């Protein structure tokens, strides 16, 4: 159990329970499943930040700035190496089998306008929304 500052108020959070809530959310596509995995990754990084701040007697803010870990945007986060670094790993996380085949397991660009790290940045943005929404609706037990 940890205390996070969420939208200006202190909120008790059970990280294990919160992880279960996120992991069990309904997903219907490979993209949504990948976003869920990114949300769980971000939750783990938030838990580590909370542990660090708790040891130093400081509160931890549960907001986008904390999740960005010093990056100015999700593009900066992804391109700065904070997420997955390899195209194939990003593609495996976010693509259906047919999309993986079409992109040759991430060897080809995902589309004409983006690189794989741009796609990862979009997924991370959505994952942060999933995580912050879950924290807002979470009742620690």
N, C-alpha and C. Protein backbone atom coordinates (compact mmCIF):
# COMPACT_ATOMS: atom_id res chain seq x y z
N UNK A 1 0.85 -1.17 0.00
CA UNK A 1 0.00 0.00 0.00
C UNK A 1 0.89 1.24 0.00
N UNK A 2 0.57 2.16 -0.87
CA UNK A 2 1.36 3.39 -0.97
C UNK A 2 0.42 4.57 -1.09
N UNK A 3 0.92 5.72 -0.71
CA UNK A 3 0.16 6.95 -0.86
C UNK A 3 0.73 7.74 -2.03
N UNK A 4 -0.15 8.08 -2.97
CA UNK A 4 0.23 8.89 -4.13
C UNK A 4 -0.55 10.18 -4.11
N UNK A 5 0.04 11.22 -4.64
CA UNK A 5 -0.69 12.47 -4.82
C UNK A 5 -1.31 12.40 -6.20
N UNK A 6 -2.65 12.35 -6.24
CA UNK A 6 -3.38 12.24 -7.49
C UNK A 6 -4.37 13.38 -7.57
N UNK A 7 -4.22 14.23 -8.56
CA UNK A 7 -5.07 15.40 -8.77
C UNK A 7 -5.16 16.25 -7.50
N UNK A 8 -4.01 16.44 -6.86
CA UNK A 8 -3.91 17.33 -5.71
C UNK A 8 -4.29 16.72 -4.38
N UNK A 9 -4.77 15.50 -4.34
CA UNK A 9 -5.17 14.86 -3.09
C UNK A 9 -4.35 13.58 -2.88
N UNK A 10 -4.13 13.24 -1.62
CA UNK A 10 -3.42 12.01 -1.30
C UNK A 10 -4.38 10.84 -1.46
N UNK A 11 -3.92 9.82 -2.17
CA UNK A 11 -4.76 8.65 -2.45
C UNK A 11 -3.98 7.40 -2.09
N UNK A 12 -4.59 6.50 -1.32
CA UNK A 12 -3.98 5.22 -0.98
C UNK A 12 -4.12 4.29 -2.17
N UNK A 13 -3.01 3.65 -2.55
CA UNK A 13 -3.00 2.78 -3.72
C UNK A 13 -2.34 1.45 -3.37
N UNK A 14 -3.00 0.37 -3.73
CA UNK A 14 -2.43 -0.97 -3.62
C UNK A 14 -1.94 -1.33 -5.02
N UNK A 15 -0.63 -1.35 -5.24
CA UNK A 15 -0.08 -1.56 -6.58
C UNK A 15 -0.43 -2.93 -7.16
N UNK A 16 -0.44 -3.96 -6.33
CA UNK A 16 -0.79 -5.29 -6.82
C UNK A 16 -2.24 -5.35 -7.29
N UNK A 17 -3.11 -4.77 -6.51
CA UNK A 17 -4.53 -4.73 -6.87
C UNK A 17 -4.74 -3.90 -8.13
N UNK A 18 -4.04 -2.79 -8.22
CA UNK A 18 -4.13 -1.92 -9.39
C UNK A 18 -3.62 -2.64 -10.64
N UNK A 19 -2.54 -3.39 -10.51
CA UNK A 19 -2.01 -4.17 -11.64
C UNK A 19 -3.03 -5.19 -12.12
N UNK A 20 -3.71 -5.84 -11.18
CA UNK A 20 -4.76 -6.80 -11.56
C UNK A 20 -5.90 -6.12 -12.29
N UNK A 21 -6.31 -4.95 -11.82
CA UNK A 21 -7.39 -4.21 -12.48
C UNK A 21 -7.02 -3.87 -13.92
N UNK A 22 -5.78 -3.42 -14.12
CA UNK A 22 -5.33 -3.05 -15.47
C UNK A 22 -5.19 -4.30 -16.34
N UNK A 23 -4.57 -5.34 -15.79
CA UNK A 23 -4.34 -6.56 -16.57
C UNK A 23 -5.66 -7.23 -16.98
N UNK A 24 -6.69 -7.07 -16.19
CA UNK A 24 -7.97 -7.73 -16.47
C UNK A 24 -8.95 -6.85 -17.24
N UNK A 25 -8.50 -5.70 -17.71
CA UNK A 25 -9.43 -4.86 -18.48
C UNK A 25 -9.73 -5.54 -19.81
N UNK A 26 -10.91 -5.27 -20.32
CA UNK A 26 -11.34 -5.91 -21.58
C UNK A 26 -10.56 -5.33 -22.75
N UNK A 27 -9.98 -6.23 -23.53
CA UNK A 27 -9.28 -5.82 -24.75
C UNK A 27 -9.77 -6.69 -25.90
N UNK A 28 -9.90 -6.07 -27.06
CA UNK A 28 -10.39 -6.83 -28.21
C UNK A 28 -9.40 -6.86 -29.37
N UNK A 29 -8.28 -6.21 -29.24
CA UNK A 29 -7.33 -6.17 -30.35
C UNK A 29 -5.90 -6.30 -29.83
N UNK A 30 -5.01 -6.61 -30.75
CA UNK A 30 -3.59 -6.68 -30.40
C UNK A 30 -3.11 -5.33 -29.89
N UNK A 31 -3.59 -4.25 -30.50
CA UNK A 31 -3.21 -2.90 -30.07
C UNK A 31 -3.61 -2.67 -28.62
N UNK A 32 -4.85 -2.99 -28.27
CA UNK A 32 -5.32 -2.77 -26.90
C UNK A 32 -4.56 -3.64 -25.90
N UNK A 33 -4.23 -4.87 -26.30
CA UNK A 33 -3.43 -5.72 -25.42
C UNK A 33 -2.03 -5.13 -25.21
N UNK A 34 -1.46 -4.57 -26.29
CA UNK A 34 -0.14 -3.93 -26.17
C UNK A 34 -0.20 -2.70 -25.29
N UNK A 35 -1.24 -1.90 -25.43
CA UNK A 35 -1.41 -0.72 -24.58
C UNK A 35 -1.51 -1.14 -23.12
N UNK A 36 -2.22 -2.23 -22.86
CA UNK A 36 -2.33 -2.75 -21.49
C UNK A 36 -0.95 -3.13 -20.95
N UNK A 37 -0.13 -3.77 -21.76
CA UNK A 37 1.23 -4.14 -21.32
C UNK A 37 2.06 -2.90 -21.03
N UNK A 38 1.94 -1.87 -21.87
CA UNK A 38 2.65 -0.62 -21.59
C UNK A 38 2.14 0.02 -20.30
N UNK A 39 0.83 -0.04 -20.05
CA UNK A 39 0.27 0.52 -18.81
C UNK A 39 0.85 -0.21 -17.60
N UNK A 40 1.00 -1.52 -17.71
CA UNK A 40 1.61 -2.28 -16.60
C UNK A 40 3.08 -1.92 -16.43
N UNK A 41 3.79 -1.68 -17.53
CA UNK A 41 5.19 -1.22 -17.44
C UNK A 41 5.26 0.13 -16.73
N UNK A 42 4.37 1.04 -17.11
CA UNK A 42 4.36 2.36 -16.48
C UNK A 42 4.00 2.26 -15.00
N UNK A 43 3.08 1.36 -14.66
CA UNK A 43 2.72 1.15 -13.25
C UNK A 43 3.92 0.68 -12.46
N UNK A 44 4.70 -0.23 -13.03
CA UNK A 44 5.89 -0.73 -12.35
C UNK A 44 6.90 0.41 -12.13
N UNK A 45 7.07 1.26 -13.12
CA UNK A 45 7.99 2.40 -12.96
C UNK A 45 7.46 3.38 -11.92
N UNK A 46 6.14 3.54 -11.86
CA UNK A 46 5.55 4.40 -10.83
C UNK A 46 5.75 3.80 -9.45
N UNK A 47 5.63 2.48 -9.33
CA UNK A 47 5.86 1.81 -8.05
C UNK A 47 7.32 2.00 -7.60
N UNK A 48 8.25 1.88 -8.54
CA UNK A 48 9.66 2.10 -8.21
C UNK A 48 9.90 3.53 -7.75
N UNK A 49 9.28 4.49 -8.44
CA UNK A 49 9.41 5.89 -8.04
C UNK A 49 8.81 6.11 -6.66
N UNK A 50 7.67 5.48 -6.40
CA UNK A 50 7.02 5.60 -5.10
C UNK A 50 7.90 5.03 -4.00
N UNK A 51 8.51 3.86 -4.24
CA UNK A 51 9.42 3.27 -3.25
C UNK A 51 10.58 4.21 -2.95
N UNK A 52 11.15 4.79 -3.99
CA UNK A 52 12.27 5.72 -3.82
C UNK A 52 11.85 6.94 -3.01
N UNK A 53 10.74 7.55 -3.39
CA UNK A 53 10.28 8.75 -2.69
C UNK A 53 9.88 8.45 -1.25
N UNK A 54 9.29 7.29 -1.01
CA UNK A 54 8.89 6.90 0.34
C UNK A 54 10.11 6.76 1.24
N UNK A 55 11.18 6.14 0.71
CA UNK A 55 12.41 6.02 1.49
C UNK A 55 12.99 7.39 1.85
N UNK A 56 12.78 8.37 1.00
CA UNK A 56 13.31 9.71 1.25
C UNK A 56 12.28 10.63 1.91
N UNK A 57 11.15 10.08 2.33
CA UNK A 57 10.13 10.85 3.03
C UNK A 57 9.41 11.87 2.16
N UNK A 58 9.36 11.61 0.87
CA UNK A 58 8.71 12.54 -0.05
C UNK A 58 7.47 11.90 -0.65
N UNK A 59 6.48 12.70 -0.99
CA UNK A 59 5.30 12.15 -1.67
C UNK A 59 5.60 11.91 -3.15
N UNK A 60 4.86 11.00 -3.76
CA UNK A 60 4.99 10.72 -5.19
C UNK A 60 3.75 11.21 -5.90
N UNK A 61 3.94 12.00 -6.92
CA UNK A 61 2.80 12.45 -7.71
C UNK A 61 2.47 11.42 -8.78
N UNK A 62 1.19 11.10 -8.90
CA UNK A 62 0.74 10.19 -9.95
C UNK A 62 0.17 11.07 -11.05
N UNK A 63 1.06 11.52 -11.93
CA UNK A 63 0.65 12.37 -13.04
C UNK A 63 1.51 12.07 -14.26
N UNK A 64 1.15 12.68 -15.37
CA UNK A 64 1.87 12.40 -16.62
C UNK A 64 3.34 12.79 -16.51
N UNK A 65 3.64 13.87 -15.83
CA UNK A 65 5.03 14.32 -15.70
C UNK A 65 5.89 13.25 -15.01
N UNK A 66 5.37 12.65 -13.97
CA UNK A 66 6.10 11.58 -13.27
C UNK A 66 6.28 10.37 -14.19
N UNK A 67 5.22 10.02 -14.92
CA UNK A 67 5.30 8.86 -15.81
C UNK A 67 6.30 9.09 -16.94
N UNK A 68 6.43 10.34 -17.39
CA UNK A 68 7.37 10.65 -18.47
C UNK A 68 8.84 10.52 -18.04
N UNK A 69 9.09 10.49 -16.74
CA UNK A 69 10.44 10.24 -16.23
C UNK A 69 11.49 11.18 -16.81
N UNK A 70 11.16 12.47 -16.87
CA UNK A 70 12.11 13.46 -17.34
C UNK A 70 11.98 13.83 -18.81
N UNK A 71 11.28 13.03 -19.58
CA UNK A 71 11.07 13.36 -21.00
C UNK A 71 10.00 14.45 -21.11
N UNK A 72 10.04 15.20 -22.19
CA UNK A 72 9.08 16.30 -22.35
C UNK A 72 7.78 15.84 -23.00
N UNK A 73 7.80 14.67 -23.63
CA UNK A 73 6.61 14.15 -24.31
C UNK A 73 6.77 12.64 -24.46
N UNK A 74 5.70 11.99 -24.92
CA UNK A 74 5.80 10.55 -25.14
C UNK A 74 6.70 10.24 -26.32
N UNK A 75 6.78 11.14 -27.29
CA UNK A 75 7.76 10.97 -28.37
C UNK A 75 9.17 10.97 -27.79
N UNK A 76 9.45 11.94 -26.93
CA UNK A 76 10.75 12.02 -26.29
C UNK A 76 11.05 10.81 -25.43
N UNK A 77 10.04 10.31 -24.75
CA UNK A 77 10.17 9.11 -23.91
C UNK A 77 10.58 7.91 -24.77
N UNK A 78 9.82 7.69 -25.86
CA UNK A 78 10.10 6.54 -26.73
C UNK A 78 11.44 6.69 -27.44
N UNK A 79 11.66 7.84 -28.07
CA UNK A 79 12.90 8.06 -28.81
C UNK A 79 14.11 8.16 -27.89
N UNK A 80 13.89 8.48 -26.62
CA UNK A 80 14.98 8.56 -25.66
C UNK A 80 15.39 7.21 -25.08
N UNK A 81 14.73 6.14 -25.50
CA UNK A 81 15.11 4.80 -25.06
C UNK A 81 14.46 4.34 -23.77
N UNK A 82 13.42 5.03 -23.30
CA UNK A 82 12.76 4.62 -22.07
C UNK A 82 11.78 3.48 -22.26
N UNK A 83 11.35 3.25 -23.48
CA UNK A 83 10.42 2.15 -23.77
C UNK A 83 11.18 0.99 -24.38
N UNK A 84 10.51 0.26 -25.24
CA UNK A 84 11.19 -0.81 -25.98
C UNK A 84 12.07 -0.17 -27.05
N UNK A 85 13.22 -0.74 -27.30
CA UNK A 85 14.18 -0.10 -28.21
C UNK A 85 14.21 -0.72 -29.60
N UNK A 86 13.77 -1.95 -29.73
CA UNK A 86 13.90 -2.64 -31.00
C UNK A 86 12.56 -2.68 -31.74
N UNK A 87 12.63 -2.45 -33.04
CA UNK A 87 11.42 -2.44 -33.86
C UNK A 87 10.62 -3.73 -33.72
N UNK A 88 11.31 -4.86 -33.74
CA UNK A 88 10.59 -6.13 -33.66
C UNK A 88 9.85 -6.26 -32.33
N UNK A 89 10.44 -5.76 -31.24
CA UNK A 89 9.80 -5.86 -29.93
C UNK A 89 8.54 -4.99 -29.88
N UNK A 90 8.61 -3.80 -30.45
CA UNK A 90 7.45 -2.92 -30.50
C UNK A 90 6.36 -3.55 -31.37
N UNK A 91 6.76 -4.06 -32.53
CA UNK A 91 5.80 -4.68 -33.44
C UNK A 91 5.14 -5.90 -32.80
N UNK A 92 5.91 -6.74 -32.13
CA UNK A 92 5.34 -7.92 -31.47
C UNK A 92 4.33 -7.53 -30.41
N UNK A 93 4.59 -6.44 -29.71
CA UNK A 93 3.70 -6.01 -28.63
C UNK A 93 2.40 -5.43 -29.16
N UNK A 94 2.44 -4.73 -30.29
CA UNK A 94 1.29 -3.95 -30.72
C UNK A 94 0.55 -4.48 -31.95
N UNK A 95 1.11 -5.45 -32.64
CA UNK A 95 0.53 -5.88 -33.92
C UNK A 95 -0.14 -7.24 -33.84
N UNK A 96 -1.13 -7.40 -34.69
CA UNK A 96 -1.75 -8.71 -34.89
C UNK A 96 -0.81 -9.56 -35.73
N UNK A 97 -1.04 -10.86 -35.78
CA UNK A 97 -0.18 -11.72 -36.62
C UNK A 97 -0.13 -11.28 -38.08
N UNK A 98 -1.25 -10.84 -38.63
CA UNK A 98 -1.24 -10.42 -40.03
C UNK A 98 -0.44 -9.12 -40.22
N UNK A 99 -0.51 -8.22 -39.24
CA UNK A 99 0.29 -6.99 -39.32
C UNK A 99 1.77 -7.29 -39.17
N UNK A 100 2.09 -8.24 -38.30
CA UNK A 100 3.49 -8.64 -38.14
C UNK A 100 4.04 -9.21 -39.45
N UNK A 101 3.24 -10.02 -40.10
CA UNK A 101 3.66 -10.59 -41.38
C UNK A 101 3.86 -9.49 -42.42
N UNK A 102 2.93 -8.55 -42.47
CA UNK A 102 2.99 -7.45 -43.44
C UNK A 102 4.25 -6.60 -43.24
N UNK A 103 4.65 -6.41 -41.99
CA UNK A 103 5.82 -5.58 -41.70
C UNK A 103 7.09 -6.40 -41.53
N UNK A 104 7.00 -7.70 -41.81
CA UNK A 104 8.14 -8.61 -41.66
C UNK A 104 8.74 -8.51 -40.25
N UNK A 105 7.88 -8.69 -39.26
CA UNK A 105 8.26 -8.66 -37.84
C UNK A 105 8.96 -7.36 -37.44
N UNK A 106 8.50 -6.26 -38.01
CA UNK A 106 9.04 -4.96 -37.65
C UNK A 106 10.20 -4.49 -38.50
N UNK A 107 10.61 -5.27 -39.48
CA UNK A 107 11.69 -4.84 -40.36
C UNK A 107 11.24 -3.68 -41.26
N UNK A 108 10.00 -3.72 -41.68
CA UNK A 108 9.44 -2.63 -42.50
C UNK A 108 8.78 -1.60 -41.60
N UNK A 109 8.71 -0.38 -42.09
CA UNK A 109 8.03 0.68 -41.33
C UNK A 109 6.56 0.32 -41.15
N UNK A 110 5.96 0.77 -40.05
CA UNK A 110 4.56 0.42 -39.80
C UNK A 110 3.60 1.07 -40.81
N UNK A 111 3.94 2.26 -41.28
CA UNK A 111 3.16 2.94 -42.32
C UNK A 111 4.06 4.01 -42.94
N UNK A 112 3.53 4.74 -43.89
CA UNK A 112 4.38 5.70 -44.63
C UNK A 112 4.71 6.96 -43.83
N UNK A 113 4.01 7.19 -42.72
CA UNK A 113 4.18 8.43 -41.97
C UNK A 113 4.95 8.26 -40.66
N UNK A 114 5.16 7.03 -40.22
CA UNK A 114 5.73 6.81 -38.89
C UNK A 114 6.84 5.77 -38.90
N UNK A 115 7.67 5.90 -37.87
CA UNK A 115 8.64 4.87 -37.52
C UNK A 115 8.03 4.08 -36.36
N UNK A 116 8.64 2.96 -35.99
CA UNK A 116 8.10 2.16 -34.90
C UNK A 116 8.11 2.91 -33.58
N UNK A 117 9.09 3.75 -33.35
CA UNK A 117 9.12 4.51 -32.09
C UNK A 117 8.00 5.54 -32.03
N UNK A 118 7.55 6.05 -33.17
CA UNK A 118 6.38 6.94 -33.19
C UNK A 118 5.13 6.17 -32.79
N UNK A 119 5.01 4.95 -33.28
CA UNK A 119 3.88 4.09 -32.93
C UNK A 119 3.92 3.78 -31.44
N UNK A 120 5.10 3.49 -30.93
CA UNK A 120 5.25 3.23 -29.50
C UNK A 120 4.83 4.45 -28.69
N UNK A 121 5.19 5.64 -29.13
CA UNK A 121 4.82 6.85 -28.41
C UNK A 121 3.30 7.00 -28.33
N UNK A 122 2.60 6.69 -29.40
CA UNK A 122 1.12 6.74 -29.38
C UNK A 122 0.57 5.73 -28.37
N UNK A 123 1.14 4.54 -28.37
CA UNK A 123 0.68 3.50 -27.43
C UNK A 123 0.97 3.91 -25.99
N UNK A 124 2.13 4.50 -25.74
CA UNK A 124 2.48 4.95 -24.39
C UNK A 124 1.53 6.05 -23.91
N UNK A 125 1.17 6.97 -24.80
CA UNK A 125 0.22 8.02 -24.45
C UNK A 125 -1.10 7.38 -23.99
N UNK A 126 -1.58 6.41 -24.76
CA UNK A 126 -2.83 5.74 -24.39
C UNK A 126 -2.67 4.94 -23.10
N UNK A 127 -1.51 4.31 -22.92
CA UNK A 127 -1.26 3.54 -21.70
C UNK A 127 -1.25 4.44 -20.47
N UNK A 128 -0.68 5.62 -20.60
CA UNK A 128 -0.68 6.56 -19.48
C UNK A 128 -2.11 6.94 -19.12
N UNK A 129 -2.97 7.13 -20.11
CA UNK A 129 -4.38 7.45 -19.86
C UNK A 129 -5.07 6.29 -19.14
N UNK A 130 -4.79 5.06 -19.59
CA UNK A 130 -5.36 3.87 -18.93
C UNK A 130 -4.93 3.82 -17.47
N UNK A 131 -3.64 4.02 -17.21
CA UNK A 131 -3.11 3.96 -15.86
C UNK A 131 -3.69 5.06 -14.97
N UNK A 132 -3.67 6.29 -15.44
CA UNK A 132 -4.18 7.39 -14.62
C UNK A 132 -5.68 7.25 -14.36
N UNK A 133 -6.42 6.77 -15.34
CA UNK A 133 -7.86 6.52 -15.15
C UNK A 133 -8.06 5.43 -14.09
N UNK A 134 -7.22 4.39 -14.14
CA UNK A 134 -7.33 3.30 -13.17
C UNK A 134 -6.99 3.80 -11.76
N UNK A 135 -5.99 4.64 -11.64
CA UNK A 135 -5.64 5.19 -10.32
C UNK A 135 -6.79 6.05 -9.79
N UNK A 136 -7.38 6.84 -10.66
CA UNK A 136 -8.49 7.70 -10.25
C UNK A 136 -9.69 6.91 -9.75
N UNK A 137 -9.96 5.76 -10.33
CA UNK A 137 -11.11 4.96 -9.94
C UNK A 137 -10.78 3.88 -8.92
N UNK A 138 -9.52 3.80 -8.51
CA UNK A 138 -9.05 2.73 -7.62
C UNK A 138 -9.43 2.99 -6.18
N UNK A 139 -9.94 1.95 -5.53
CA UNK A 139 -10.20 1.98 -4.10
C UNK A 139 -9.33 0.90 -3.46
N UNK A 140 -8.29 1.32 -2.74
CA UNK A 140 -7.37 0.36 -2.13
C UNK A 140 -8.06 -0.42 -1.02
N UNK A 141 -7.79 -1.73 -1.00
CA UNK A 141 -8.36 -2.60 0.05
C UNK A 141 -7.27 -3.29 0.80
